[in-house]
């Protein structure tokens, strides 16, 4: 059974562009990972310095493996300076239809 998450990432306004570029840079590698079904980052439509990532993984091991990758760890290390609040990760239930 796949696992689906939405990550909500509140960034400092002066770090928003840099953070978006960093996340965009890891998209191809992330999508190429075994177990990645979706990895889609989106900025907030209201113009706030918030980034959402919709992601779906084949299982928890694939999700955990993604977070063990050097490129993912590098982004999380940078988050220490970029974040305005802790990342909120919401797991979604399977679809209704």
Foldseek 3Di string as FASTA:
>chain_A
DKWKKKKKFAWDPVCLVVLVVLLVVCVVVLCPQQFWPAWDKDADPVPHSMIMIITMGNDVVSVVVSCVDPSNVVSVVVCVVIGPDDMDMDIDDDDPD
